[in-house]
């Protein structure tokens, strides 16, 4: 597999372009390989780094969604608060 334990720019770019579901599915495969054992040290380190990159990307996508949901909720709350005060003018 990999001769070194560092991901290439191409690999990192490919991860950054993955959807949440793609990153999650790849991460599941990485975890299964690591749990199965039998990998050489370099391969284990490569899989570990790949898993870390996939997990980081998946988490950043989840964080983006959470931020958007919070913004929508705040906007709706503000709209409802304003709608309740407009009749009092």
PDB file of N, CA and C in Angstrom:
ATOM      1  N   UNK A   1       0.845  -1.187   0.000  1.00  0.00           N
ATOM      2  CA  UNK A   1       0.000   0.000   0.000  1.00  0.00           C
ATOM      3  C   UNK A   1       0.877   1.232   0.000  1.00  0.00           C
ATOM      4  N   UNK A   2       0.807   2.062   1.006  1.00  0.00           N
ATOM      5  CA  UNK A   2       1.571   3.318   1.032  1.00  0.00           C
ATOM      6  C   UNK A   2       2.959   3.075   1.591  1.00  0.00           C
ATOM      7  N   UNK A   3       3.956   3.672   0.951  1.00  0.00           N
ATOM      8  CA  UNK A   3       5.324   3.544   1.424  1.00  0.00           C
ATOM      9  C   UNK A   3       5.641   4.536   2.527  1.00  0.00           C
ATOM     10  N   UNK A   4       4.883   5.619   2.603  1.00  0.00           N
ATOM     11  CA  UNK A   4       5.095   6.572   3.682  1.00  0.00           C
ATOM     12  C   UNK A   4       3.795   6.738   4.455  1.00  0.00           C
ATOM     13  N   UNK A   5       3.854   7.500   5.512  1.00  0.00           N
ATOM     14  CA  UNK A   5       2.672   7.638   6.357  1.00  0.00           C
ATOM     15  C   UNK A   5       2.013   8.996   6.206  1.00  0.00           C
ATOM     16  N   UNK A   6       2.282   9.677   5.107  1.00  0.00           N
ATOM     17  CA  UNK A   6       1.672  10.978   4.895  1.00  0.00           C
ATOM     18  C   UNK A   6       0.737  10.927   3.699  1.00  0.00           C
ATOM     19  N   UNK A   7      -0.406  11.569   3.862  1.00  0.00           N
ATOM     20  CA  UNK A   7      -1.354  11.646   2.756  1.00  0.00           C
ATOM     21  C   UNK A   7      -0.875  12.687   1.755  1.00  0.00           C
ATOM     22  N   UNK A   8      -1.093  12.411   0.494  1.00  0.00           N
ATOM     23  CA  UNK A   8      -0.699  13.361  -0.546  1.00  0.00           C
ATOM     24  C   UNK A   8      -1.721  14.494  -0.625  1.00  0.00           C
ATOM     25  N   UNK A   9      -1.328  15.558  -1.283  1.00  0.00           N
ATOM     26  CA  UNK A   9      -2.252  16.673  -1.502  1.00  0.00           C
ATOM     27  C   UNK A   9      -3.470  16.212  -2.298  1.00  0.00           C
ATOM     28  N   UNK A  10      -3.252  15.303  -3.240  1.00  0.00           N
ATOM     29  CA  UNK A  10      -4.365  14.771  -4.032  1.00  0.00           C
ATOM     30  C   UNK A  10      -5.349  14.019  -3.156  1.00  0.00           C
ATOM     31  N   UNK A  11      -4.820  13.208  -2.231  1.00  0.00           N
ATOM     32  CA  UNK A  11      -5.692  12.456  -1.333  1.00  0.00           C
ATOM     33  C   UNK A  11      -6.468  13.395  -0.414  1.00  0.00           C
ATOM     34  N   UNK A  12      -5.785  14.396   0.113  1.00  0.00           N
ATOM     35  CA  UNK A  12      -6.453  15.361   0.988  1.00  0.00           C
ATOM     36  C   UNK A  12      -7.518  16.139   0.227  1.00  0.00           C
ATOM     37  N   UNK A  13      -7.218  16.497  -1.014  1.00  0.00           N
ATOM     38  CA  UNK A  13      -8.184  17.208  -1.845  1.00  0.00           C
ATOM     39  C   UNK A  13      -9.404  16.336  -2.121  1.00  0.00           C
ATOM     40  N   UNK A  14      -9.166  15.065  -2.394  1.00  0.00           N
ATOM     41  CA  UNK A  14     -10.276  14.143  -2.644  1.00  0.00           C
ATOM     42  C   UNK A  14     -11.167  14.031  -1.411  1.00  0.00           C
ATOM     43  N   UNK A  15     -10.556  13.990  -0.239  1.00  0.00           N
ATOM     44  CA  UNK A  15     -11.331  13.918   1.001  1.00  0.00           C
ATOM     45  C   UNK A  15     -12.152  15.188   1.177  1.00  0.00           C
ATOM     46  N   UNK A  16     -11.542  16.335   0.913  1.00  0.00           N
ATOM     47  CA  UNK A  16     -12.243  17.615   1.077  1.00  0.00           C
ATOM     48  C   UNK A  16     -13.440  17.743   0.134  1.00  0.00           C
ATOM     49  N   UNK A  17     -13.426  17.009  -0.962  1.00  0.00           N
ATOM     50  CA  UNK A  17     -14.528  17.065  -1.923  1.00  0.00           C
ATOM     51  C   UNK A  17     -15.591  16.001  -1.679  1.00  0.00           C
ATOM     52  N   UNK A  18     -15.410  15.188  -0.643  1.00  0.00           N
ATOM     53  CA  UNK A  18     -16.376  14.138  -0.327  1.00  0.00           C
ATOM     54  C   UNK A  18     -17.595  14.714   0.375  1.00  0.00           C
ATOM     55  N   UNK A  19     -18.722  14.055   0.144  1.00  0.00           N
ATOM     56  CA  UNK A  19     -19.910  14.369   0.930  1.00  0.00           C
ATOM     57  C   UNK A  19     -19.723  13.754   2.315  1.00  0.00           C
ATOM     58  N   UNK A  20     -20.598  14.129   3.228  1.00  0.00           N
ATOM     59  CA  UNK A  20     -20.542  13.542   4.569  1.00  0.00           C
ATOM     60  C   UNK A  20     -20.666  12.023   4.493  1.00  0.00           C
ATOM     61  N   UNK A  21     -21.623  11.554   3.700  1.00  0.00           N
ATOM     62  CA  UNK A  21     -21.871  10.118   3.601  1.00  0.00           C
ATOM     63  C   UNK A  21     -20.663   9.376   3.025  1.00  0.00           C
ATOM     64  N   UNK A  22     -20.015   9.964   2.029  1.00  0.00           N
ATOM     65  CA  UNK A  22     -18.824   9.334   1.449  1.00  0.00           C
ATOM     66  C   UNK A  22     -17.703   9.251   2.484  1.00  0.00           C
ATOM     67  N   UNK A  23     -17.482  10.333   3.200  1.00  0.00           N
ATOM     68  CA  UNK A  23     -16.422  10.344   4.211  1.00  0.00           C
ATOM     69  C   UNK A  23     -16.726   9.342   5.315  1.00  0.00           C
ATOM     70  N   UNK A  24     -17.982   9.293   5.743  1.00  0.00           N
ATOM     71  CA  UNK A  24     -18.379   8.351   6.794  1.00  0.00           C
ATOM     72  C   UNK A  24     -18.164   6.909   6.339  1.00  0.00           C
ATOM     73  N   UNK A  25     -18.590   6.595   5.119  1.00  0.00           N
ATOM     74  CA  UNK A  25     -18.441   5.232   4.613  1.00  0.00           C
ATOM     75  C   UNK A  25     -16.970   4.839   4.490  1.00  0.00           C
ATOM     76  N   UNK A  26     -16.144   5.762   4.003  1.00  0.00           N
ATOM     77  CA  UNK A  26     -14.701   5.489   3.905  1.00  0.00           C
ATOM     78  C   UNK A  26     -14.107   5.288   5.297  1.00  0.00           C
ATOM     79  N   UNK A  27     -14.556   6.095   6.250  1.00  0.00           N
ATOM     80  CA  UNK A  27     -14.058   5.979   7.621  1.00  0.00           C
ATOM     81  C   UNK A  27     -14.417   4.623   8.211  1.00  0.00           C
ATOM     82  N   UNK A  28     -15.607   4.143   7.946  1.00  0.00           N
ATOM     83  CA  UNK A  28     -16.017   2.816   8.420  1.00  0.00           C
ATOM     84  C   UNK A  28     -15.078   1.753   7.860  1.00  0.00           C
ATOM     85  N   UNK A  29     -14.732   1.862   6.588  1.00  0.00           N
ATOM     86  CA  UNK A  29     -13.819   0.896   5.974  1.00  0.00           C
ATOM     87  C   UNK A  29     -12.439   0.946   6.617  1.00  0.00           C
ATOM     88  N   UNK A  30     -11.966   2.148   6.904  1.00  0.00           N
ATOM     89  CA  UNK A  30     -10.655   2.307   7.543  1.00  0.00           C
ATOM     90  C   UNK A  30     -10.666   1.663   8.923  1.00  0.00           C
ATOM     91  N   UNK A  31     -11.706   1.928   9.689  1.00  0.00           N
ATOM     92  CA  UNK A  31     -11.807   1.362  11.036  1.00  0.00           C
ATOM     93  C   UNK A  31     -11.840  -0.159  10.965  1.00  0.00           C
ATOM     94  N   UNK A  32     -12.574  -0.709  10.021  1.00  0.00           N
ATOM     95  CA  UNK A  32     -12.640  -2.161   9.871  1.00  0.00           C
ATOM     96  C   UNK A  32     -11.270  -2.750   9.557  1.00  0.00           C
ATOM     97  N   UNK A  33     -10.510  -2.089   8.688  1.00  0.00           N
ATOM     98  CA  UNK A  33      -9.163  -2.567   8.361  1.00  0.00           C
ATOM     99  C   UNK A  33      -8.266  -2.545   9.589  1.00  0.00           C
ATOM    100  N   UNK A  34      -8.351  -1.457  10.352  1.00  0.00           N
ATOM    101  CA  UNK A  34      -7.508  -1.342  11.545  1.00  0.00           C
ATOM    102  C   UNK A  34      -7.916  -2.353  12.605  1.00  0.00           C
ATOM    103  N   UNK A  35      -9.209  -2.555  12.781  1.00  0.00           N
ATOM    104  CA  UNK A  35      -9.680  -3.512  13.775  1.00  0.00           C
ATOM    105  C   UNK A  35      -9.347  -4.944  13.395  1.00  0.00           C
ATOM    106  N   UNK A  36      -9.308  -5.235  12.097  1.00  0.00           N
ATOM    107  CA  UNK A  36      -8.996  -6.586  11.636  1.00  0.00           C
ATOM    108  C   UNK A  36      -7.549  -6.951  11.938  1.00  0.00           C
ATOM    109  N   UNK A  37      -6.696  -5.932  12.014  1.00  0.00           N
ATOM    110  CA  UNK A  37      -5.286  -6.172  12.302  1.00  0.00           C
ATOM    111  C   UNK A  37      -4.567  -6.778  11.113  1.00  0.00           C
ATOM    112  N   UNK A  38      -3.339  -7.196  11.350  1.00  0.00           N
ATOM    113  CA  UNK A  38      -2.557  -7.831  10.313  1.00  0.00           C
ATOM    114  C   UNK A  38      -1.863  -6.873   9.364  1.00  0.00           C
ATOM    115  N   UNK A  39      -2.022  -5.576   9.574  1.00  0.00           N
ATOM    116  CA  UNK A  39      -1.355  -4.603   8.711  1.00  0.00           C
ATOM    117  C   UNK A  39       0.059  -4.351   9.209  1.00  0.00           C
ATOM    118  N   UNK A  40       0.946  -4.057   8.285  1.00  0.00           N
ATOM    119  CA  UNK A  40       2.289  -3.644   8.679  1.00  0.00           C
ATOM    120  C   UNK A  40       2.203  -2.263   9.304  1.00  0.00           C
ATOM    121  N   UNK A  41       3.231  -1.881  10.030  1.00  0.00           N
ATOM    122  CA  UNK A  41       3.222  -0.616  10.753  1.00  0.00           C
ATOM    123  C   UNK A  41       2.952   0.571   9.834  1.00  0.00           C
ATOM    124  N   UNK A  42       3.647   0.650   8.700  1.00  0.00           N
ATOM    125  CA  UNK A  42       3.437   1.772   7.775  1.00  0.00           C
ATOM    126  C   UNK A  42       2.003   1.816   7.258  1.00  0.00           C
ATOM    127  N   UNK A  43       1.457   0.647   6.947  1.00  0.00           N
ATOM    128  CA  UNK A  43       0.078   0.598   6.474  1.00  0.00           C
ATOM    129  C   UNK A  43      -0.895   1.009   7.579  1.00  0.00           C
ATOM    130  N   UNK A  44      -0.619   0.586   8.797  1.00  0.00           N
ATOM    131  CA  UNK A  44      -1.464   0.980   9.928  1.00  0.00           C
ATOM    132  C   UNK A  44      -1.431   2.483  10.135  1.00  0.00           C
ATOM    133  N   UNK A  45      -0.247   3.066  10.053  1.00  0.00           N
ATOM    134  CA  UNK A  45      -0.117   4.515  10.221  1.00  0.00           C
ATOM    135  C   UNK A  45      -0.835   5.253   9.092  1.00  0.00           C
ATOM    136  N   UNK A  46      -0.707   4.735   7.888  1.00  0.00           N
ATOM    137  CA  UNK A  46      -1.398   5.346   6.751  1.00  0.00           C
ATOM    138  C   UNK A  46      -2.915   5.306   6.969  1.00  0.00           C
ATOM    139  N   UNK A  47      -3.426   4.151   7.349  1.00  0.00           N
ATOM    140  CA  UNK A  47      -4.865   4.015   7.589  1.00  0.00           C
ATOM    141  C   UNK A  47      -5.318   4.933   8.729  1.00  0.00           C
ATOM    142  N   UNK A  48      -4.491   5.037   9.772  1.00  0.00           N
ATOM    143  CA  UNK A  48      -4.823   5.917  10.895  1.00  0.00           C
ATOM    144  C   UNK A  48      -4.929   7.375  10.421  1.00  0.00           C
ATOM    145  N   UNK A  49      -3.935   7.827   9.664  1.00  0.00           N
ATOM    146  CA  UNK A  49      -3.949   9.205   9.169  1.00  0.00           C
ATOM    147  C   UNK A  49      -5.114   9.440   8.210  1.00  0.00           C
ATOM    148  N   UNK A  50      -5.410   8.455   7.395  1.00  0.00           N
ATOM    149  CA  UNK A  50      -6.551   8.549   6.492  1.00  0.00           C
ATOM    150  C   UNK A  50      -7.838   8.673   7.304  1.00  0.00           C
ATOM    151  N   UNK A  51      -7.961   7.850   8.325  1.00  0.00           N
ATOM    152  CA  UNK A  51      -9.139   7.905   9.191  1.00  0.00           C
ATOM    153  C   UNK A  51      -9.279   9.243   9.889  1.00  0.00           C
ATOM    154  N   UNK A  52      -8.169   9.775  10.360  1.00  0.00           N
ATOM    155  CA  UNK A  52      -8.197  11.087  11.024  1.00  0.00           C
ATOM    156  C   UNK A  52      -8.665  12.173  10.056  1.00  0.00           C
ATOM    157  N   UNK A  53      -8.156  12.142   8.835  1.00  0.00           N
ATOM    158  CA  UNK A  53      -8.546  13.146   7.838  1.00  0.00           C
ATOM    159  C   UNK A  53     -10.026  13.010   7.476  1.00  0.00           C
ATOM    160  N   UNK A  54     -10.486  11.778   7.334  1.00  0.00           N
ATOM    161  CA  UNK A  54     -11.897  11.550   7.017  1.00  0.00           C
ATOM    162  C   UNK A  54     -12.800  12.013   8.155  1.00  0.00           C
ATOM    163  N   UNK A  55     -12.413  11.690   9.388  1.00  0.00           N
ATOM    164  CA  UNK A  55     -13.211  12.087  10.553  1.00  0.00           C
ATOM    165  C   UNK A  55     -13.254  13.604  10.693  1.00  0.00           C
ATOM    166  N   UNK A  56     -12.121  14.245  10.475  1.00  0.00           N
ATOM    167  CA  UNK A  56     -12.061  15.710  10.572  1.00  0.00           C
ATOM    168  C   UNK A  56     -12.977  16.351   9.531  1.00  0.00           C
ATOM    169  N   UNK A  57     -12.940  15.832   8.312  1.00  0.00           N
ATOM    170  CA  UNK A  57     -13.785  16.386   7.252  1.00  0.00           C
ATOM    171  C   UNK A  57     -15.265  16.158   7.561  1.00  0.00           C
ATOM    172  N   UNK A  58     -15.609  14.950   7.977  1.00  0.00           N
ATOM    173  CA  UNK A  58     -17.006  14.655   8.303  1.00  0.00           C
ATOM    174  C   UNK A  58     -17.495  15.568   9.425  1.00  0.00           C
ATOM    175  N   UNK A  59     -16.659  15.775  10.441  1.00  0.00           N
ATOM    176  CA  UNK A  59     -17.046  16.641  11.550  1.00  0.00           C
ATOM    177  C   UNK A  59     -17.222  18.082  11.092  1.00  0.00           C
ATOM    178  N   UNK A  60     -16.358  18.536  10.188  1.00  0.00           N
ATOM    179  CA  UNK A  60     -16.501  19.916   9.706  1.00  0.00           C
ATOM    180  C   UNK A  60     -17.804  20.086   8.927  1.00  0.00           C
ATOM    181  N   UNK A  61     -18.208  19.060   8.188  1.00  0.00           N
ATOM    182  CA  UNK A  61     -19.485  19.129   7.474  1.00  0.00           C
ATOM    183  C   UNK A  61     -20.654  19.160   8.453  1.00  0.00           C
ATOM    184  N   UNK A  62     -20.571  18.354   9.506  1.00  0.00           N
ATOM    185  CA  UNK A  62     -21.617  18.376  10.532  1.00  0.00           C
ATOM    186  C   UNK A  62     -21.670  19.728  11.233  1.00  0.00           C
ATOM    187  N   UNK A  63     -20.505  20.300  11.507  1.00  0.00           N
ATOM    188  CA  UNK A  63     -20.448  21.614  12.155  1.00  0.00           C
ATOM    189  C   UNK A  63     -21.098  22.688  11.284  1.00  0.00           C
ATOM    190  N   UNK A  64     -20.869  22.607   9.970  1.00  0.00           N
ATOM    191  CA  UNK A  64     -21.479  23.570   9.044  1.00  0.00           C
ATOM    192  C   UNK A  64     -23.001  23.470   9.078  1.00  0.00           C
ATOM    193  N   UNK A  65     -23.501  22.240   9.088  1.00  0.00           N
ATOM    194  CA  UNK A  65     -24.948  22.041   9.127  1.00  0.00           C
ATOM    195  C   UNK A  65     -25.516  22.563  10.441  1.00  0.00           C
ATOM    196  N   UNK A  66     -24.840  22.276  11.549  1.00  0.00           N
ATOM    197  CA  UNK A  66     -25.303  22.755  12.850  1.00  0.00           C
ATOM    198  C   UNK A  66     -25.339  24.282  12.885  1.00  0.00           C
ATOM    199  N   UNK A  67     -24.332  24.914  12.311  1.00  0.00           N
ATOM    200  CA  UNK A  67     -24.286  26.381  12.265  1.00  0.00           C
ATOM    201  C   UNK A  67     -25.461  26.934  11.463  1.00  0.00           C
ATOM    202  N   UNK A  68     -25.728  26.318  10.312  1.00  0.00           N
ATOM    203  CA  UNK A  68     -26.844  26.771   9.479  1.00  0.00           C
ATOM    204  C   UNK A  68     -28.179  26.595  10.201  1.00  0.00           C
ATOM    205  N   UNK A  69     -28.338  25.465  10.888  1.00  0.00           N
ATOM    206  CA  UNK A  69     -29.577  25.239  11.632  1.00  0.00           C
ATOM    207  C   UNK A  69     -29.755  26.270  12.735  1.00  0.00           C
ATOM    208  N   UNK A  70     -28.673  26.580  13.439  1.00  0.00           N
ATOM    209  CA  UNK A  70     -28.739  27.597  14.489  1.00  0.00           C
ATOM    210  C   UNK A  70     -29.112  28.953  13.916  1.00  0.00           C
ATOM    211  N   UNK A  71     -28.545  29.299  12.771  1.00  0.00           N
ATOM    212  CA  UNK A  71     -28.863  30.580  12.133  1.00  0.00           C
ATOM    213  C   UNK A  71     -30.337  30.652  11.750  1.00  0.00           C
ATOM    214  N   UNK A  72     -30.868  29.558  11.216  1.00  0.00           N
ATOM    215  CA  UNK A  72     -32.279  29.526  10.834  1.00  0.00           C
ATOM    216  C   UNK A  72     -33.160  29.647  12.073  1.00  0.00           C
ATOM    217  N   UNK A  73     -32.810  28.924  13.132  1.00  0.00           N
ATOM    218  CA  UNK A  73     -33.598  28.994  14.362  1.00  0.00           C
ATOM    219  C   UNK A  73     -33.573  30.400  14.954  1.00  0.00           C
ATOM    220  N   UNK A  74     -32.407  31.031  14.955  1.00  0.00           N
ATOM    221  CA  UNK A  74     -32.302  32.393  15.471  1.00  0.00           C
ATOM    222  C   UNK A  74     -33.112  33.362  14.616  1.00  0.00           C
ATOM    223  N   UNK A  75     -33.060  33.183  13.315  1.00  0.00           N
ATOM    224  CA  UNK A  75     -33.813  34.038  12.401  1.00  0.00           C
ATOM    225  C   UNK A  75     -35.315  33.874  12.627  1.00  0.00           C
ATOM    226  N   UNK A  76     -35.756  32.642  12.801  1.00  0.00           N
ATOM    227  CA  UNK A  76     -37.175  32.392  13.048  1.00  0.00           C
ATOM    228  C   UNK A  76     -37.614  32.981  14.384  1.00  0.00           C
ATOM    229  N   UNK A  77     -36.782  32.837  15.399  1.00  0.00           N
ATOM    230  CA  UNK A  77     -37.113  33.391  16.712  1.00  0.00           C
ATOM    231  C   UNK A  77     -37.199  34.910  16.642  1.00  0.00           C
ATOM    232  N   UNK A  78     -36.281  35.522  15.922  1.00  0.00           N
ATOM    233  CA  UNK A  78     -36.285  36.976  15.774  1.00  0.00           C
ATOM    234  C   UNK A  78     -37.517  37.432  14.989  1.00  0.00           C
ATOM    235  N   UNK A  79     -37.858  36.694  13.953  1.00  0.00           N
ATOM    236  CA  UNK A  79     -39.043  37.024  13.165  1.00  0.00           C
ATOM    237  C   UNK A  79     -40.298  36.936  14.025  1.00  0.00           C
ATOM    238  N   UNK A  80     -40.397  35.878  14.827  1.00  0.00           N
ATOM    239  CA  UNK A  80     -41.564  35.714  15.688  1.00  0.00           C
ATOM    240  C   UNK A  80     -41.632  36.813  16.742  1.00  0.00           C
ATOM    241  N   UNK A  81     -40.485  37.202  17.269  1.00  0.00           N
ATOM    242  CA  UNK A  81     -40.458  38.279  18.261  1.00  0.00           C
ATOM    243  C   UNK A  81     -40.889  39.595  17.626  1.00  0.00           C
ATOM    244  N   UNK A  82     -40.418  39.866  16.421  1.00  0.00           N
ATOM    245  CA  UNK A  82     -40.793  41.095  15.716  1.00  0.00           C
ATOM    246  C   UNK A  82     -42.262  41.079  15.309  1.00  0.00           C
ATOM    247  N   UNK A  83     -42.757  39.930  14.912  1.00  0.00           N
ATOM    248  CA  UNK A  83     -44.156  39.819  14.495  1.00  0.00           C
ATOM    249  C   UNK A  83     -45.081  40.085  15.674  1.00  0.00           C
ATOM    250  N   UNK A  84     -44.651  39.698  16.853  1.00  0.00           N
ATOM    251  CA  UNK A  84     -45.464  39.915  18.045  1.00  0.00           C
ATOM    252  C   UNK A  84     -45.493  41.360  18.483  1.00  0.00           C
ATOM    253  N   UNK A  85     -44.479  42.142  18.130  1.00  0.00           N
ATOM    254  CA  UNK A  85     -44.419  43.543  18.565  1.00  0.00           C
ATOM    255  C   UNK A  85     -44.954  44.502  17.524  1.00  0.00           C
ATOM    256  N   UNK A  86     -45.128  44.057  16.296  1.00  0.00           N
ATOM    257  CA  UNK A  86     -45.588  44.958  15.237  1.00  0.00           C
ATOM    258  C   UNK A  86     -47.027  45.407  15.450  1.00  0.00           C
ATOM    259  N   UNK A  87     -47.831  44.609  16.070  1.00  0.00           N
ATOM    260  CA  UNK A  87     -49.215  44.981  16.307  1.00  0.00           C
ATOM    261  C   UNK A  87     -49.360  46.025  17.396  1.00  0.00           C
ATOM    262  N   UNK A  88     -48.306  46.269  18.172  1.00  0.00           N
ATOM    263  CA  UNK A  88     -48.354  47.215  19.285  1.00  0.00           C
ATOM    264  C   UNK A  88     -47.945  48.617  18.886  1.00  0.00           C
ATOM    265  N   UNK A  89     -47.608  48.846  17.651  1.00  0.00           N
ATOM    266  CA  UNK A  89     -47.126  50.171  17.228  1.00  0.00           C
ATOM    267  C   UNK A  89     -48.239  51.150  17.044  1.00  0.00           C
TER     268      UNK A  89
END
